Amino acid sequence: MNLRLLPNALTLFRIVAVIPLVVLLFIGEFRSALILAFVAGFSDLIDGFLARRFNWQTEFGGMLDPLADKLLMLAATVSLTILGHLPLWLVALVVLREVIIVGGGLYYHYRIEPVTASPTWLSKFNTFLLVALVLLVLLRLSGWMPPVDIETWLVPAVAATTIASGLHYVWIWSDKAKQANIAH
């Protein structure tokens, strides 16, 4: 295997990991689901490091990496919601934000000009909080963490940053669209 393709292979692993993660959650194998989630998260760190360090970025990987991350997080959050471990309203916010961002990005890309994805610091912080919430819920369900009420402080934080980052993207891309229309 060409080592330059390793970051893309790791990204594809995360996409393939979605199905076993969901299955493990629904059959109550929370420890295995937690381990798989950690491995997938670690693979994301490794593929990003390798792509940047050795200049192994590809256009395919640039599009696929955020998709893999979104699929994995949405699968975990939706599954945990269906199983009653996360509030429905929170996951509805998360999904709505993703639909707005992806839909807006596609619209902008095809109607105005090509887009290069670049997450904002607020979006990265929101993702960090959402990942922390999912991992803490899995840690609790696995019995590896005492039953603490993480939802009282982390759920509102995820909700607030989800709304704020969604609005932030709308504002940024609306401004870019206005500037692009002025230039043309």
Protein backbone atom coordinates (compact mmCIF):
# COMPACT_ATOMS: atom_id res chain seq x y z
CA MET A 1 0.00 0.00 0.00
CA ASN A 2 1.19 3.47 -0.84
CA LEU A 3 1.75 5.25 2.50
CA ARG A 4 0.35 8.47 1.03
CA LEU A 5 -3.05 6.77 1.08
CA LEU A 6 -2.90 5.91 4.80
CA PRO A 7 -4.81 9.04 5.93
CA ASN A 8 -7.61 8.22 3.47
CA ALA A 9 -7.65 4.58 4.62
CA LEU A 10 -8.04 5.76 8.22
CA THR A 11 -10.88 8.05 7.17
CA LEU A 12 -12.59 5.15 5.38
CA PHE A 13 -12.14 3.07 8.56
CA ARG A 14 -14.14 5.72 10.48
CA ILE A 15 -16.94 5.56 7.93
CA VAL A 16 -17.03 1.76 8.09
CA ALA A 17 -16.91 1.93 11.92
CA VAL A 18 -20.31 3.66 11.98
CA ILE A 19 -22.24 0.41 11.49
CA PRO A 20 -20.50 -1.64 14.20
CA LEU A 21 -20.71 1.34 16.57
CA VAL A 22 -24.48 1.58 16.14
CA VAL A 23 -24.88 -2.20 16.47
CA LEU A 24 -22.78 -2.26 19.65
CA LEU A 25 -24.86 0.54 21.16
CA PHE A 26 -28.17 -1.15 20.37
CA ILE A 27 -27.12 -4.53 21.76
CA GLY A 28 -25.89 -2.85 24.95
CA GLU A 29 -22.17 -3.53 24.44
CA PHE A 30 -21.26 -0.08 25.72
CA ARG A 31 -17.66 -0.89 26.64
CA SER A 32 -16.97 -2.20 23.14
CA ALA A 33 -18.74 0.83 21.66
CA LEU A 34 -16.61 3.12 23.83
CA ILE A 35 -13.40 1.39 22.75
CA LEU A 36 -14.43 1.61 19.09
CA ALA A 37 -15.28 5.30 19.53
CA PHE A 38 -11.85 5.95 21.08
CA VAL A 39 -10.09 4.03 18.29
CA ALA A 40 -12.05 5.97 15.66
CA GLY A 41 -11.23 9.26 17.37
CA PHE A 42 -7.56 8.33 17.61
CA SER A 43 -7.56 7.39 13.91
CA ASP A 44 -8.87 10.88 13.15
CA LEU A 45 -5.95 12.42 15.03
CA ILE A 46 -3.45 10.16 13.26
CA ASP A 47 -4.82 10.73 9.76
CA GLY A 48 -4.80 14.50 10.29
CA PHE A 49 -1.25 14.43 11.63
CA LEU A 50 0.02 12.24 8.77
CA ALA A 51 -1.72 14.30 6.10
CA ARG A 52 -0.26 17.57 7.42
CA ARG A 53 3.18 16.30 8.50
CA PHE A 54 4.03 14.49 5.27
CA ASN A 55 1.89 16.61 2.94
CA TRP A 56 -0.30 13.59 2.13
CA GLN A 57 -3.47 15.65 1.75
CA THR A 58 -5.75 14.76 -1.11
CA GLU A 59 -8.88 16.44 -2.40
CA PHE A 60 -10.72 13.16 -1.75
CA GLY A 61 -9.51 13.08 1.86
CA GLY A 62 -10.33 16.74 2.35
CA MET A 63 -13.96 16.05 1.46
CA LEU A 64 -14.21 12.64 3.11
CA ASP A 65 -12.61 13.44 6.49
CA PRO A 66 -15.29 15.89 7.71
CA LEU A 67 -17.98 13.58 6.32
CA ALA A 68 -16.57 10.64 8.29
CA ASP A 69 -16.47 12.72 11.46
CA LYS A 70 -20.05 13.91 10.99
CA LEU A 71 -21.35 10.41 10.23
CA LEU A 72 -19.69 8.94 13.30
CA MET A 73 -20.92 11.68 15.63
CA LEU A 74 -24.43 11.73 14.22
CA ALA A 75 -24.66 7.94 14.43
CA ALA A 76 -23.52 7.98 18.05
CA THR A 77 -25.74 10.86 19.15
CA VAL A 78 -28.85 9.65 17.34
CA SER A 79 -28.35 6.10 18.66
CA LEU A 80 -27.84 7.33 22.23
CA THR A 81 -30.98 9.45 21.87
CA ILE A 82 -33.08 6.55 20.59
CA LEU A 83 -31.79 4.49 23.53
CA GLY A 84 -32.87 7.27 25.92
CA HIS A 85 -29.44 8.48 27.01
CA LEU A 86 -29.46 11.91 25.34
CA PRO A 87 -32.37 14.34 25.05
CA LEU A 88 -34.19 14.40 21.72
CA TRP A 89 -34.26 18.20 21.57
CA LEU A 90 -30.45 18.33 21.77
CA VAL A 91 -29.91 15.89 18.94
CA ALA A 92 -32.55 17.73 16.90
CA LEU A 93 -30.44 20.89 17.33
CA VAL A 94 -27.25 19.05 16.34
CA VAL A 95 -28.88 17.53 13.24
CA LEU A 96 -30.51 20.84 12.26
CA ARG A 97 -27.13 22.60 12.53
CA GLU A 98 -25.50 19.97 10.31
CA VAL A 99 -28.29 20.22 7.72
CA ILE A 100 -27.96 24.01 7.65
CA ILE A 101 -24.16 23.91 7.37
CA VAL A 102 -24.00 21.16 4.75
CA GLY A 103 -26.98 22.51 2.80
CA GLY A 104 -25.63 26.04 2.89
CA GLY A 105 -22.17 24.86 1.90
CA LEU A 106 -23.53 22.89 -1.05
CA TYR A 107 -25.69 25.81 -2.16
CA TYR A 108 -22.74 28.19 -1.92
CA HIS A 109 -20.42 25.74 -3.71
CA TYR A 110 -22.74 25.16 -6.66
CA ARG A 111 -24.44 28.56 -6.95
CA ILE A 112 -21.74 31.06 -6.01
CA GLU A 113 -18.20 29.66 -6.00
CA PRO A 114 -16.25 26.57 -4.88
CA VAL A 115 -15.95 26.11 -1.13
CA THR A 116 -13.02 24.86 0.88
CA ALA A 117 -14.17 23.60 4.23
CA SER A 118 -12.54 25.34 7.15
CA PRO A 119 -14.15 24.90 10.55
CA THR A 120 -14.29 27.93 12.80
CA TRP A 121 -12.89 27.92 16.35
CA LEU A 122 -16.48 27.98 17.65
CA SER A 123 -17.36 24.95 15.54
CA LYS A 124 -14.28 23.11 16.80
CA PHE A 125 -15.22 23.93 20.40
CA ASN A 126 -18.78 22.73 19.77
CA THR A 127 -17.46 19.48 18.31
CA PHE A 128 -15.15 19.05 21.31
CA LEU A 129 -18.08 19.46 23.72
CA LEU A 130 -20.27 17.06 21.73
CA VAL A 131 -17.51 14.43 21.60
CA ALA A 132 -16.94 14.90 25.35
CA LEU A 133 -20.66 14.42 26.00
CA VAL A 134 -20.86 11.24 23.93
CA LEU A 135 -17.70 9.81 25.52
CA LEU A 136 -18.83 10.67 29.04
CA VAL A 137 -22.22 9.05 28.44
CA LEU A 138 -20.46 5.95 27.07
CA LEU A 139 -18.06 5.92 30.03
CA ARG A 140 -21.03 6.04 32.41
CA LEU A 141 -22.94 3.35 30.49
CA SER A 142 -19.80 1.18 30.47
CA GLY A 143 -19.55 1.36 34.24
CA TRP A 144 -16.13 3.01 33.99
CA MET A 145 -17.36 6.26 35.48
CA PRO A 146 -19.57 6.84 38.48
CA PRO A 147 -23.14 7.88 37.65
CA VAL A 148 -22.69 11.65 37.72
CA ASP A 149 -25.19 14.06 36.28
CA ILE A 150 -23.14 15.34 33.35
CA GLU A 151 -26.25 16.40 31.51
CA THR A 152 -26.93 19.33 33.86
CA TRP A 153 -23.88 21.24 32.69
CA LEU A 154 -22.68 19.62 29.45
CA VAL A 155 -26.00 19.34 27.60
CA PRO A 156 -26.72 23.09 27.91
CA ALA A 157 -23.13 23.86 26.86
CA VAL A 158 -23.47 21.66 23.76
CA ALA A 159 -26.84 23.23 22.97
CA ALA A 160 -25.52 26.78 23.34
CA THR A 161 -22.43 26.18 21.19
CA THR A 162 -24.50 24.28 18.61
CA ILE A 163 -26.83 27.25 18.18
CA ALA A 164 -24.01 29.81 18.31
CA SER A 165 -21.81 27.98 15.80
CA GLY A 166 -24.72 27.37 13.45
CA LEU A 167 -25.62 31.07 13.49
CA HIS A 168 -21.93 31.93 13.12
CA TYR A 169 -21.69 29.85 9.93
CA VAL A 170 -24.86 31.44 8.53
CA TRP A 171 -23.43 34.89 9.22
CA ILE A 172 -19.98 34.07 7.75
CA TRP A 173 -21.31 32.47 4.57
CA SER A 174 -24.01 35.10 4.08
CA ASP A 175 -21.31 37.76 4.25
CA LYS A 176 -19.10 35.80 1.80
CA ALA A 177 -22.05 35.41 -0.58
CA LYS A 178 -22.75 39.13 -0.40
CA GLN A 179 -19.06 39.90 -1.10
CA ALA A 180 -18.97 37.40 -3.99
CA ASN A 181 -22.08 38.98 -5.56
CA ILE A 182 -20.55 42.43 -5.21
CA ALA A 183 -17.35 41.23 -6.94
CA HIS A 184 -19.29 39.77 -9.88
